[in-house]
Amino acid sequence: PYQFGGDSRKGIDCSAFVCVMMDSVYHITIPRTAKNQYNASQKIRKEDLRQGDLVFFNTTGGISHVGIYLANNKFVHAATSGGVMISDLDDVYFKRRYIGAARVR
């Protein structure tokens, strides 16, 4: 489930989820917060997204949400509304809040 500030299976927030996934799947260590993850990564165009790239959103002001791009416009993230889930970048909610994409590899 989602838990703000959480970083375990009992509860995790979006940026901690991204940290865990990047470390366990790609063996890459990244900063803990979405804002710092954005600042530490190479910005890319939405058209250039590849599996494992990060996607960032403004949900509560500034860079406040992050997920990992999968394929076919889908990304995985920890959401307040449903815990860890897969969403579409073209969902109305995310499309309006999309800030940008970045690569950390």
Protein backbone atom coordinates (compact mmCIF):
# COMPACT_ATOMS: atom_id res chain seq x y z
CA PRO A 1 0.00 0.00 0.00
CA TYR A 2 0.94 3.65 -0.35
CA GLN A 3 2.35 5.39 2.72
CA PHE A 4 3.88 8.86 2.57
CA GLY A 5 7.50 8.55 3.69
CA GLY A 6 7.22 4.76 3.72
CA ASP A 7 9.96 2.59 2.30
CA SER A 8 8.93 -1.01 3.00
CA ARG A 9 6.37 -3.62 1.94
CA LYS A 10 4.14 -2.40 4.79
CA GLY A 11 3.85 0.95 3.02
CA ILE A 12 5.85 2.83 0.42
CA ASP A 13 5.68 6.17 -1.34
CA CYS A 14 6.38 6.84 -5.01
CA SER A 15 10.00 7.94 -4.73
CA ALA A 16 10.98 5.11 -2.37
CA PHE A 17 9.32 2.64 -4.74
CA VAL A 18 11.38 4.04 -7.62
CA CYS A 19 14.57 3.82 -5.51
CA VAL A 20 13.90 0.17 -4.64
CA MET A 21 13.04 -0.78 -8.23
CA MET A 22 16.02 1.01 -9.77
CA ASP A 23 18.35 -0.65 -7.28
CA SER A 24 16.91 -4.16 -7.51
CA VAL A 25 16.29 -4.26 -11.28
CA TYR A 26 19.01 -2.00 -12.72
CA HIS A 27 21.52 -1.88 -9.83
CA ILE A 28 21.43 1.91 -9.89
CA THR A 29 21.31 4.01 -6.72
CA ILE A 30 19.31 7.22 -7.05
CA PRO A 31 18.30 9.99 -4.61
CA ARG A 32 15.34 9.38 -2.28
CA THR A 33 12.92 12.17 -3.24
CA ALA A 34 11.14 12.75 -6.56
CA LYS A 35 12.56 16.27 -6.82
CA ASN A 36 16.12 15.08 -6.23
CA GLN A 37 15.62 12.19 -8.64
CA TYR A 38 14.52 14.67 -11.29
CA ASN A 39 17.47 16.98 -10.62
CA ALA A 40 20.00 14.10 -10.74
CA SER A 41 18.83 12.62 -14.03
CA GLN A 42 19.25 13.38 -17.72
CA LYS A 43 16.07 14.90 -19.17
CA ILE A 44 14.62 13.26 -22.28
CA ARG A 45 11.70 13.87 -24.58
CA LYS A 46 8.49 11.92 -24.03
CA GLU A 47 8.90 10.47 -27.52
CA ASP A 48 12.25 8.97 -26.46
CA LEU A 49 10.97 7.06 -23.42
CA ARG A 50 12.39 3.57 -22.92
CA GLN A 51 11.73 0.93 -20.31
CA GLY A 52 13.31 2.00 -17.02
CA ASP A 53 13.13 5.75 -17.65
CA LEU A 54 11.53 7.92 -14.99
CA VAL A 55 8.37 9.99 -15.49
CA PHE A 56 7.59 12.95 -13.26
CA PHE A 57 4.36 14.71 -12.33
CA ASN A 58 3.07 17.74 -10.43
CA THR A 59 0.38 16.34 -8.12
CA THR A 60 0.74 18.62 -5.10
CA GLY A 61 3.02 21.40 -6.33
CA GLY A 62 6.27 21.14 -8.23
CA ILE A 63 7.82 17.75 -8.82
CA SER A 64 5.78 15.65 -6.42
CA HIS A 65 5.24 12.25 -8.07
CA VAL A 66 7.45 9.80 -9.97
CA GLY A 67 7.05 6.48 -11.72
CA ILE A 68 9.03 4.10 -13.93
CA TYR A 69 8.16 3.82 -17.59
CA LEU A 70 7.37 0.30 -18.79
CA ALA A 71 6.25 0.31 -22.45
CA ASN A 72 3.27 1.24 -24.60
CA ASN A 73 2.65 4.46 -22.65
CA LYS A 74 2.38 2.59 -19.32
CA PHE A 75 4.30 3.29 -16.12
CA VAL A 76 4.44 1.71 -12.68
CA HIS A 77 4.23 3.81 -9.53
CA ALA A 78 3.04 3.91 -5.93
CA ALA A 79 -0.18 5.92 -5.88
CA THR A 80 -2.13 7.31 -2.96
CA SER A 81 -5.29 5.96 -4.55
CA GLY A 82 -4.26 2.33 -4.92
CA GLY A 83 -0.73 1.54 -3.83
CA VAL A 84 1.66 0.11 -6.39
CA MET A 85 -0.11 0.09 -9.74
CA ILE A 86 0.29 0.50 -13.49
CA SER A 87 -1.18 3.59 -15.15
CA ASP A 88 -1.24 5.16 -18.61
CA LEU A 89 0.51 8.46 -19.36
CA ASP A 90 -2.57 9.50 -21.34
CA ASP A 91 -4.96 9.05 -18.40
CA VAL A 92 -6.58 12.44 -17.93
CA TYR A 93 -5.20 12.81 -14.40
CA PHE A 94 -1.59 12.12 -15.37
CA LYS A 95 -1.67 13.83 -18.76
CA ARG A 96 -2.56 17.17 -17.12
CA ARG A 97 0.10 16.77 -14.43
CA TYR A 98 3.00 15.44 -16.52
CA ILE A 99 6.23 17.44 -16.04
CA GLY A 100 8.77 15.42 -17.95
CA ALA A 101 10.87 12.31 -18.34
CA ALA A 102 14.43 11.47 -17.45
CA ARG A 103 17.02 8.72 -17.79
CA VAL A 104 19.31 7.69 -14.95
CA ARG A 105 21.37 5.00 -16.72
